[in-house]
């Protein structure tokens, strides 16, 4: 549909926005793709656990553990007096 201005000149319709090609973004900042070899049973377990979303959450949780300072062991904190 074209609009007319006050002096009866027509304004052409704007071109439709171009669509992004490829897979839609899922909200995660993904920079790389990991390919692994596994058995069919391992693949089934991976999918039951939640697939890629589960793996990202699992790796994030492990990373948090590495970033924390390790707790001191009881042996190091108690003085034996030897």
C-alpha atoms as a PDB file:
ATOM      1  CA  UNK A   1       0.000   0.000   0.000  1.00  0.00           C
ATOM      2  CA  UNK A   2       1.395   3.397  -0.925  1.00  0.00           C
ATOM      3  CA  UNK A   3       0.669   6.581   0.960  1.00  0.00           C
ATOM      4  CA  UNK A   4      -0.036   9.941  -0.565  1.00  0.00           C
ATOM      5  CA  UNK A   5       1.450  13.121   0.821  1.00  0.00           C
ATOM      6  CA  UNK A   6      -0.157  16.565   0.879  1.00  0.00           C
ATOM      7  CA  UNK A   7       0.977  17.356  -2.674  1.00  0.00           C
ATOM      8  CA  UNK A   8      -0.305  13.993  -3.994  1.00  0.00           C
ATOM      9  CA  UNK A   9       3.104  12.406  -4.462  1.00  0.00           C
ATOM     10  CA  UNK A  10       3.263   8.738  -3.602  1.00  0.00           C
ATOM     11  CA  UNK A  11       5.701   7.278  -1.108  1.00  0.00           C
ATOM     12  CA  UNK A  12       6.735   3.740  -2.051  1.00  0.00           C
ATOM     13  CA  UNK A  13       6.361   0.992   0.527  1.00  0.00           C
ATOM     14  CA  UNK A  14       9.465   0.169   2.463  1.00  0.00           C
ATOM     15  CA  UNK A  15      11.168  -3.055   1.457  1.00  0.00           C
ATOM     16  CA  UNK A  16      10.415  -5.929   3.810  1.00  0.00           C
ATOM     17  CA  UNK A  17      13.185  -6.537   6.347  1.00  0.00           C
ATOM     18  CA  UNK A  18      15.707  -9.166   5.292  1.00  0.00           C
ATOM     19  CA  UNK A  19      15.608 -12.390   7.251  1.00  0.00           C
ATOM     20  CA  UNK A  20      18.704 -13.763   8.905  1.00  0.00           C
ATOM     21  CA  UNK A  21      19.773 -17.014   7.312  1.00  0.00           C
ATOM     22  CA  UNK A  22      20.794 -20.115   9.221  1.00  0.00           C
ATOM     23  CA  UNK A  23      19.773 -21.480  12.573  1.00  0.00           C
ATOM     24  CA  UNK A  24      18.082 -19.127  15.034  1.00  0.00           C
ATOM     25  CA  UNK A  25      20.165 -17.965  17.985  1.00  0.00           C
ATOM     26  CA  UNK A  26      19.289 -19.641  21.258  1.00  0.00           C
ATOM     27  CA  UNK A  27      20.496 -16.885  23.555  1.00  0.00           C
ATOM     28  CA  UNK A  28      23.846 -18.480  24.354  1.00  0.00           C
ATOM     29  CA  UNK A  29      27.098 -16.940  23.197  1.00  0.00           C
ATOM     30  CA  UNK A  30      28.395 -19.963  21.330  1.00  0.00           C
ATOM     31  CA  UNK A  31      31.735 -19.562  19.665  1.00  0.00           C
ATOM     32  CA  UNK A  32      32.719 -23.136  18.829  1.00  0.00           C
ATOM     33  CA  UNK A  33      31.163 -26.499  18.039  1.00  0.00           C
ATOM     34  CA  UNK A  34      32.444 -29.670  19.689  1.00  0.00           C
ATOM     35  CA  UNK A  35      32.219 -32.994  17.852  1.00  0.00           C
ATOM     36  CA  UNK A  36      32.695 -36.179  19.879  1.00  0.00           C
ATOM     37  CA  UNK A  37      32.556 -39.905  19.292  1.00  0.00           C
ATOM     38  CA  UNK A  38      30.373 -41.960  21.592  1.00  0.00           C
ATOM     39  CA  UNK A  39      28.321 -45.111  21.670  1.00  0.00           C
ATOM     40  CA  UNK A  40      24.600 -45.033  20.855  1.00  0.00           C
ATOM     41  CA  UNK A  41      23.910 -45.652  24.556  1.00  0.00           C
ATOM     42  CA  UNK A  42      26.065 -42.667  25.530  1.00  0.00           C
ATOM     43  CA  UNK A  43      24.246 -40.491  23.002  1.00  0.00           C
ATOM     44  CA  UNK A  44      20.881 -41.586  24.416  1.00  0.00           C
ATOM     45  CA  UNK A  45      22.042 -40.738  27.949  1.00  0.00           C
ATOM     46  CA  UNK A  46      23.355 -37.346  26.772  1.00  0.00           C
ATOM     47  CA  UNK A  47      19.990 -36.543  25.198  1.00  0.00           C
ATOM     48  CA  UNK A  48      18.072 -37.721  28.288  1.00  0.00           C
ATOM     49  CA  UNK A  49      20.236 -35.493  30.486  1.00  0.00           C
ATOM     50  CA  UNK A  50      19.280 -32.455  28.415  1.00  0.00           C
ATOM     51  CA  UNK A  51      21.691 -32.408  25.495  1.00  0.00           C
ATOM     52  CA  UNK A  52      23.731 -29.297  24.799  1.00  0.00           C
ATOM     53  CA  UNK A  53      21.867 -27.162  27.356  1.00  0.00           C
ATOM     54  CA  UNK A  54      22.717 -29.676  30.097  1.00  0.00           C
ATOM     55  CA  UNK A  55      26.369 -29.835  29.028  1.00  0.00           C
ATOM     56  CA  UNK A  56      26.759 -26.037  29.079  1.00  0.00           C
ATOM     57  CA  UNK A  57      25.196 -25.847  32.562  1.00  0.00           C
ATOM     58  CA  UNK A  58      27.381 -28.715  33.790  1.00  0.00           C
ATOM     59  CA  UNK A  59      30.574 -27.109  32.467  1.00  0.00           C
ATOM     60  CA  UNK A  60      29.609 -23.734  33.976  1.00  0.00           C
ATOM     61  CA  UNK A  61      29.081 -25.421  37.369  1.00  0.00           C
ATOM     62  CA  UNK A  62      32.475 -27.131  37.193  1.00  0.00           C
ATOM     63  CA  UNK A  63      34.132 -23.847  36.197  1.00  0.00           C
ATOM     64  CA  UNK A  64      32.670 -22.147  39.283  1.00  0.00           C
ATOM     65  CA  UNK A  65      34.308 -24.836  41.427  1.00  0.00           C
ATOM     66  CA  UNK A  66      37.699 -24.174  39.852  1.00  0.00           C
ATOM     67  CA  UNK A  67      37.370 -20.435  40.367  1.00  0.00           C
ATOM     68  CA  UNK A  68      36.761 -20.784  44.125  1.00  0.00           C
ATOM     69  CA  UNK A  69      39.723 -21.130  46.445  1.00  0.00           C
ATOM     70  CA  UNK A  70      40.082 -24.721  47.655  1.00  0.00           C
ATOM     71  CA  UNK A  71      39.056 -25.267  51.273  1.00  0.00           C
ATOM     72  CA  UNK A  72      41.859 -25.984  53.700  1.00  0.00           C
ATOM     73  CA  UNK A  73      42.040 -29.582  54.775  1.00  0.00           C
ATOM     74  CA  UNK A  74      41.453 -30.435  58.434  1.00  0.00           C
ATOM     75  CA  UNK A  75      45.024 -31.760  58.700  1.00  0.00           C
ATOM     76  CA  UNK A  76      46.413 -28.347  57.722  1.00  0.00           C
ATOM     77  CA  UNK A  77      44.238 -26.361  60.144  1.00  0.00           C
ATOM     78  CA  UNK A  78      44.799 -28.453  63.288  1.00  0.00           C
ATOM     79  CA  UNK A  79      48.099 -28.156  65.062  1.00  0.00           C
ATOM     80  CA  UNK A  80      49.440 -31.502  66.171  1.00  0.00           C
ATOM     81  CA  UNK A  81      52.305 -30.055  68.194  1.00  0.00           C
ATOM     82  CA  UNK A  82      54.895 -32.448  66.750  1.00  0.00           C
END
